[in-house]
Protein backbone atom coordinates (compact mmCIF):
# COMPACT_ATOMS: atom_id res chain seq x y z
CA MET A 1 -44.87 52.28 -28.65
CA ASN A 2 -45.03 48.47 -28.15
CA PRO A 3 -43.04 48.15 -24.58
CA PHE A 4 -42.75 44.58 -24.58
CA PRO A 5 -39.76 44.20 -26.85
CA LYS A 6 -37.63 45.89 -23.92
CA LEU A 7 -39.73 43.93 -21.44
CA LEU A 8 -39.27 40.55 -22.93
CA GLU A 9 -35.46 41.33 -23.11
CA GLY A 10 -34.58 42.92 -20.20
CA CYS A 11 -36.59 41.03 -17.84
CA LEU A 12 -36.57 37.77 -19.23
CA ILE A 13 -33.69 37.36 -21.99
CA ASP A 14 -31.11 39.13 -20.35
CA THR A 15 -31.39 36.74 -17.23
CA LYS A 16 -29.56 33.99 -19.51
CA HIS A 17 -32.04 31.97 -17.87
CA VAL A 18 -34.50 32.04 -20.26
CA GLU A 19 -33.87 31.03 -24.07
CA SER A 20 -36.65 32.46 -25.66
CA ALA A 21 -40.24 34.14 -25.09
CA ALA A 22 -43.23 35.21 -26.30
CA ILE A 23 -46.10 37.54 -25.32
CA PHE A 24 -49.94 37.27 -26.53
CA VAL A 25 -53.36 38.69 -26.17
CA ALA A 26 -55.52 36.27 -23.51
CA LYS A 27 -58.54 36.53 -25.17
CA THR A 28 -57.44 36.29 -28.94
CA GLY A 29 -54.54 34.87 -28.72
CA ASP A 30 -52.50 37.57 -31.07
CA VAL A 31 -49.45 37.95 -30.62
CA THR A 32 -48.52 41.07 -28.91
CA PHE A 33 -44.33 40.17 -29.66
CA ASN A 34 -42.30 37.02 -30.66
CA LEU A 35 -38.63 36.32 -29.55
CA PHE A 36 -39.73 32.32 -31.34
CA LYS A 37 -38.92 32.05 -34.45
CA GLN A 38 -42.02 31.06 -35.59
CA VAL A 39 -45.25 30.78 -33.84
CA CYS A 40 -48.56 30.02 -35.39
CA PRO A 41 -51.91 30.89 -34.52
CA GLU A 42 -53.05 26.76 -33.57
CA GLN A 43 -49.95 27.36 -31.07
CA THR A 44 -51.05 30.33 -29.10
CA GLN A 45 -54.65 29.08 -29.21
CA MET A 46 -53.33 25.22 -28.06
CA LEU A 47 -51.48 27.46 -25.36
CA LEU A 48 -54.71 29.36 -24.44
CA ASP A 49 -56.61 25.80 -24.15
CA ALA A 50 -53.93 24.62 -21.95
CA PHE A 51 -55.36 26.99 -19.41
CA LYS A 52 -59.25 26.17 -19.71
CA HIS A 53 -58.11 22.51 -19.16
CA VAL A 54 -56.05 22.13 -16.82
CA ASN A 55 -56.64 18.79 -15.91
CA VAL A 56 -55.65 17.60 -19.34
CA THR A 57 -52.93 19.97 -19.66
CA ARG A 58 -51.89 17.94 -16.18
CA GLN A 59 -52.23 14.35 -17.28
CA GLY A 60 -51.24 15.22 -21.10
CA GLY A 61 -48.89 17.64 -21.36
CA LEU A 62 -48.16 20.15 -24.12
CA ASP A 63 -46.94 19.75 -27.86
CA PHE A 64 -44.94 22.62 -28.60
CA ARG A 65 -42.22 23.52 -31.42
CA SER A 66 -41.69 19.53 -32.09
CA LYS A 67 -41.34 18.44 -28.87
CA HIS A 68 -43.63 16.94 -26.60
CA TYR A 69 -43.77 18.59 -22.23
CA THR A 70 -44.95 16.93 -19.77
CA CYS A 71 -46.40 19.35 -17.15
CA VAL A 72 -44.71 20.02 -13.93
CA ARG A 73 -47.54 22.07 -12.60
CA ALA A 74 -50.84 23.33 -13.94
CA ASP A 75 -53.29 25.58 -12.77
CA LYS A 76 -55.21 28.88 -13.75
CA HIS A 77 -52.26 31.21 -13.64
CA PHE A 78 -49.14 29.55 -14.41
CA ILE A 79 -48.44 26.11 -16.15
CA TYR A 80 -45.00 24.74 -15.90
CA THR A 81 -43.54 21.66 -18.14
CA LYS A 82 -40.38 19.81 -19.13
CA TYR A 83 -38.85 18.08 -21.92
CA GLU A 84 -35.49 16.56 -21.77
CA GLY A 85 -33.95 19.13 -19.86
CA HIS A 86 -35.82 21.55 -21.48
CA GLY A 87 -38.68 23.53 -19.99
CA LEU A 88 -41.53 25.47 -21.37
CA ILE A 89 -43.43 28.20 -18.84
CA LEU A 90 -46.53 30.05 -19.78
CA VAL A 91 -47.88 32.22 -17.11
CA ARG A 92 -51.45 34.43 -17.46
CA THR A 93 -52.25 37.62 -16.37
CA ALA A 94 -56.15 39.35 -16.95
CA LEU A 95 -54.57 40.74 -20.52
CA TYR A 96 -52.04 38.53 -21.54
CA VAL A 97 -50.38 35.26 -21.48
CA ILE A 98 -46.34 35.15 -21.67
CA VAL A 99 -44.71 32.19 -22.65
CA ALA A 100 -40.81 31.37 -21.96
CA THR A 101 -38.63 28.55 -22.59
CA TYR A 102 -35.31 27.30 -21.28
CA SER A 103 -32.86 25.02 -22.13
CA GLN A 104 -30.53 22.20 -20.69
CA SER A 105 -27.52 24.30 -19.41
CA MET A 106 -30.12 27.16 -17.73
CA TYR A 107 -31.77 27.45 -14.51
CA PRO A 108 -35.15 26.44 -14.27
CA SER A 109 -35.51 28.02 -11.16
CA ILE A 110 -34.22 31.70 -12.62
CA CYS A 111 -36.32 31.23 -15.68
CA VAL A 112 -39.70 30.80 -14.04
CA GLU A 113 -38.44 33.53 -11.37
CA ALA A 114 -38.35 35.95 -14.59
CA VAL A 115 -41.40 34.91 -16.01
CA GLU A 116 -43.30 35.13 -12.91
CA LYS A 117 -41.69 38.94 -11.80
CA LEU A 118 -42.92 39.87 -15.67
CA ALA A 119 -46.52 38.71 -14.86
CA GLU A 120 -46.41 39.99 -11.61
CA TYR A 121 -45.07 43.85 -13.12
CA LEU A 122 -48.08 43.56 -15.76
CA ARG A 123 -50.47 42.57 -12.91
CA GLU A 124 -49.98 45.45 -11.17
CA LYS A 125 -50.10 47.73 -14.09
CA GLY A 126 -53.29 45.95 -15.15
CA ASN A 127 -52.54 43.55 -17.29
């Protein structure tokens, strides 16, 4: 049974400060679970590449779902971006990448904290 639907709902969406989220495999880009309407393979590969080229990500930001997000912070484990009050958060664990968005009516700090806690949980489980 896939544990990710309950994890995303319980840990992220239920905070009311995460608009949508997905988890995909860090090595292949295969989407494990997705609450976005659609995430195409090109988008997951672009998000994976953002971690491989952190300096480029910091300078150029990310394009995701027809929005250009400006990078606020990027390193080998975390990428935080924003676009006109909206945000895109990426967190990488050994096996997975968690992607989450927040909207203007949500608190970015709560979204970040929720995504980071989920990532910490996955790391503790060896994922």
